[in-house]
Amino acid sequence: MLSRFQRRAVTNTNLVIGGRRLLQSLSSSDQSEKKAWQAQDNINIQRVTQKAIIHELTQEQTQTINSVVPWFLDNMPSCYFRQVTEKFRMEHIKAISAIRDANMDLHMNLKARLPDGRLVLVSFNILLSNKYDR
């Protein structure tokens, strides 16, 4: 006979809406059984895992971008802002953030074409330092 602490708890669940019973289930708290709220199929588990990874990466990138943007605005020369379009500045910030997020030092050359056909070359030396850390 099981002790009172080893017994499985059994729950009888009834879902009644508008006086009509829609669902009745009997479940136990046996640890070997999956919970009703857990994904049952492998495809669902993969989908939930993928969403969790995307959420975690998004949060990390957001933190990085929050530190890179002020650094970028404080350190880029005024001629850069006069000559480089907002679209390309945003691309540059994304590239710098990706490098920062990967915790890498890198020399980076970016090349872009303006709508009028001119070529814009921007060179960055990105060296991680304490003033830029999270």
Protein backbone atom coordinates (compact mmCIF):
# COMPACT_ATOMS: atom_id res chain seq x y z
CA MET A 1 0.00 0.00 0.00
CA LEU A 2 1.25 3.50 -0.86
CA SER A 3 1.82 6.01 1.91
CA ARG A 4 -0.29 9.15 1.84
CA PHE A 5 2.67 11.05 0.26
CA GLN A 6 3.20 8.48 -2.47
CA ARG A 7 -0.39 8.26 -3.64
CA ARG A 8 -1.22 9.72 -7.00
CA ALA A 9 -3.61 12.62 -6.90
CA VAL A 10 -6.53 12.20 -9.26
CA THR A 11 -8.40 15.18 -10.65
CA ASN A 12 -11.80 15.05 -12.26
CA THR A 13 -12.24 18.03 -14.59
CA ASN A 14 -15.57 19.08 -16.03
CA LEU A 15 -15.98 21.91 -18.52
CA VAL A 16 -19.55 23.18 -18.46
CA ILE A 17 -20.69 26.11 -20.61
CA GLY A 18 -24.29 27.23 -20.79
CA GLY A 19 -25.46 24.25 -18.72
CA ARG A 20 -23.94 21.78 -21.20
CA ARG A 21 -21.01 19.56 -20.29
CA LEU A 22 -18.45 19.88 -23.07
CA LEU A 23 -15.55 18.00 -21.54
CA GLN A 24 -14.93 15.57 -18.77
CA SER A 25 -11.49 14.23 -18.08
CA LEU A 26 -9.89 12.22 -15.37
CA SER A 27 -6.18 12.88 -14.90
CA SER A 28 -3.57 11.86 -12.38
CA SER A 29 -0.44 13.61 -11.18
CA ASP A 30 1.82 10.65 -11.99
CA GLN A 31 5.22 12.11 -12.99
CA SER A 32 5.55 9.74 -15.96
CA GLU A 33 2.53 11.28 -17.70
CA LYS A 34 2.76 14.43 -19.80
CA LYS A 35 0.87 17.46 -18.59
CA ALA A 36 -2.09 18.67 -20.61
CA TRP A 37 -0.35 21.99 -21.33
CA GLN A 38 2.82 20.33 -22.71
CA ALA A 39 3.25 19.81 -26.44
CA GLN A 40 2.46 16.21 -27.33
CA ASP A 41 3.84 15.92 -30.85
CA ASN A 42 7.46 16.32 -31.92
CA ILE A 43 6.51 19.02 -34.45
CA ASN A 44 4.86 21.07 -31.67
CA ILE A 45 7.87 20.64 -29.41
CA GLN A 46 10.11 21.83 -32.25
CA ARG A 47 7.87 24.85 -32.88
CA VAL A 48 7.85 25.85 -29.20
CA THR A 49 11.62 25.39 -28.97
CA GLN A 50 12.14 27.49 -32.10
CA LYS A 51 9.96 30.30 -30.71
CA ALA A 52 11.85 30.20 -27.39
CA ILE A 53 15.22 30.50 -29.17
CA ILE A 54 13.93 33.37 -31.33
CA HIS A 55 12.62 35.17 -28.23
CA GLU A 56 15.93 34.75 -26.37
CA LEU A 57 17.97 36.02 -29.34
CA THR A 58 15.61 38.96 -29.84
CA GLN A 59 16.03 39.98 -26.20
CA GLU A 60 19.84 39.76 -26.46
CA GLN A 61 19.90 41.75 -29.69
CA THR A 62 17.65 44.41 -28.19
CA GLN A 63 20.08 44.85 -25.29
CA THR A 64 23.00 45.10 -27.72
CA ILE A 65 21.24 47.63 -29.94
CA ASN A 66 20.36 49.70 -26.86
CA SER A 67 24.08 50.04 -26.13
CA VAL A 68 25.30 50.37 -29.74
CA VAL A 69 23.00 53.20 -30.89
CA PRO A 70 24.15 55.78 -28.31
CA TRP A 71 27.78 54.76 -28.90
CA PHE A 72 27.28 55.08 -32.67
CA LEU A 73 25.68 58.54 -32.41
CA ASP A 74 28.40 59.78 -30.05
CA ASN A 75 31.38 58.43 -32.02
CA MET A 76 30.61 58.85 -35.71
CA PRO A 77 31.95 62.07 -37.27
CA SER A 78 29.52 64.72 -38.48
CA CYS A 79 30.64 64.23 -42.10
CA TYR A 80 29.39 60.63 -41.88
CA PHE A 81 25.87 61.83 -41.04
CA ARG A 82 25.97 64.38 -43.88
CA GLN A 83 27.12 61.89 -46.52
CA VAL A 84 25.46 58.59 -45.55
CA THR A 85 21.71 58.15 -45.94
CA GLU A 86 19.53 57.05 -43.03
CA LYS A 87 18.88 53.71 -44.75
CA PHE A 88 22.61 52.93 -44.87
CA ARG A 89 23.17 54.20 -41.33
CA MET A 90 20.57 51.71 -40.13
CA GLU A 91 22.34 48.93 -42.04
CA HIS A 92 25.64 49.97 -40.49
CA ILE A 93 24.12 49.92 -37.00
CA LYS A 94 22.76 46.41 -37.66
CA ALA A 95 26.19 45.22 -38.80
CA ILE A 96 27.95 46.77 -35.80
CA SER A 97 25.35 45.31 -33.44
CA ALA A 98 25.80 41.84 -34.91
CA ILE A 99 29.56 42.07 -34.42
CA ARG A 100 29.10 43.41 -30.90
CA ASP A 101 26.58 40.69 -30.08
CA ALA A 102 29.08 38.05 -31.24
CA ASN A 103 31.66 39.66 -28.91
CA MET A 104 34.17 40.07 -31.74
CA ASP A 105 36.71 42.73 -32.74
CA LEU A 106 36.62 43.29 -36.45
CA HIS A 107 37.78 45.56 -39.21
CA MET A 108 34.78 46.03 -41.48
CA ASN A 109 34.38 47.68 -44.88
CA LEU A 110 30.85 48.40 -46.02
CA LYS A 111 29.98 49.29 -49.58
CA ALA A 112 26.63 50.65 -50.74
CA ARG A 113 25.22 52.35 -53.83
CA LEU A 114 23.18 55.51 -53.50
CA PRO A 115 20.03 55.92 -55.64
CA ASP A 116 21.93 58.36 -57.90
CA GLY A 117 24.56 55.67 -58.61
CA ARG A 118 27.36 56.97 -56.38
CA LEU A 119 29.31 54.41 -54.40
CA VAL A 120 29.66 54.88 -50.63
CA LEU A 121 32.54 53.13 -48.85
CA VAL A 122 32.61 53.12 -45.06
CA SER A 123 35.38 51.53 -43.02
CA PHE A 124 35.01 50.67 -39.34
CA ASN A 125 37.54 49.39 -36.86
CA ILE A 126 35.43 47.90 -34.16
CA LEU A 127 37.37 47.12 -31.03
CA LEU A 128 35.41 46.21 -27.96
CA SER A 129 36.10 48.35 -24.93
CA ASN A 130 34.65 48.89 -21.48
CA LYS A 131 32.84 52.12 -22.40
CA TYR A 132 30.73 50.10 -24.81
CA ASP A 133 29.99 47.08 -22.61
CA ARG A 134 26.54 46.25 -21.32
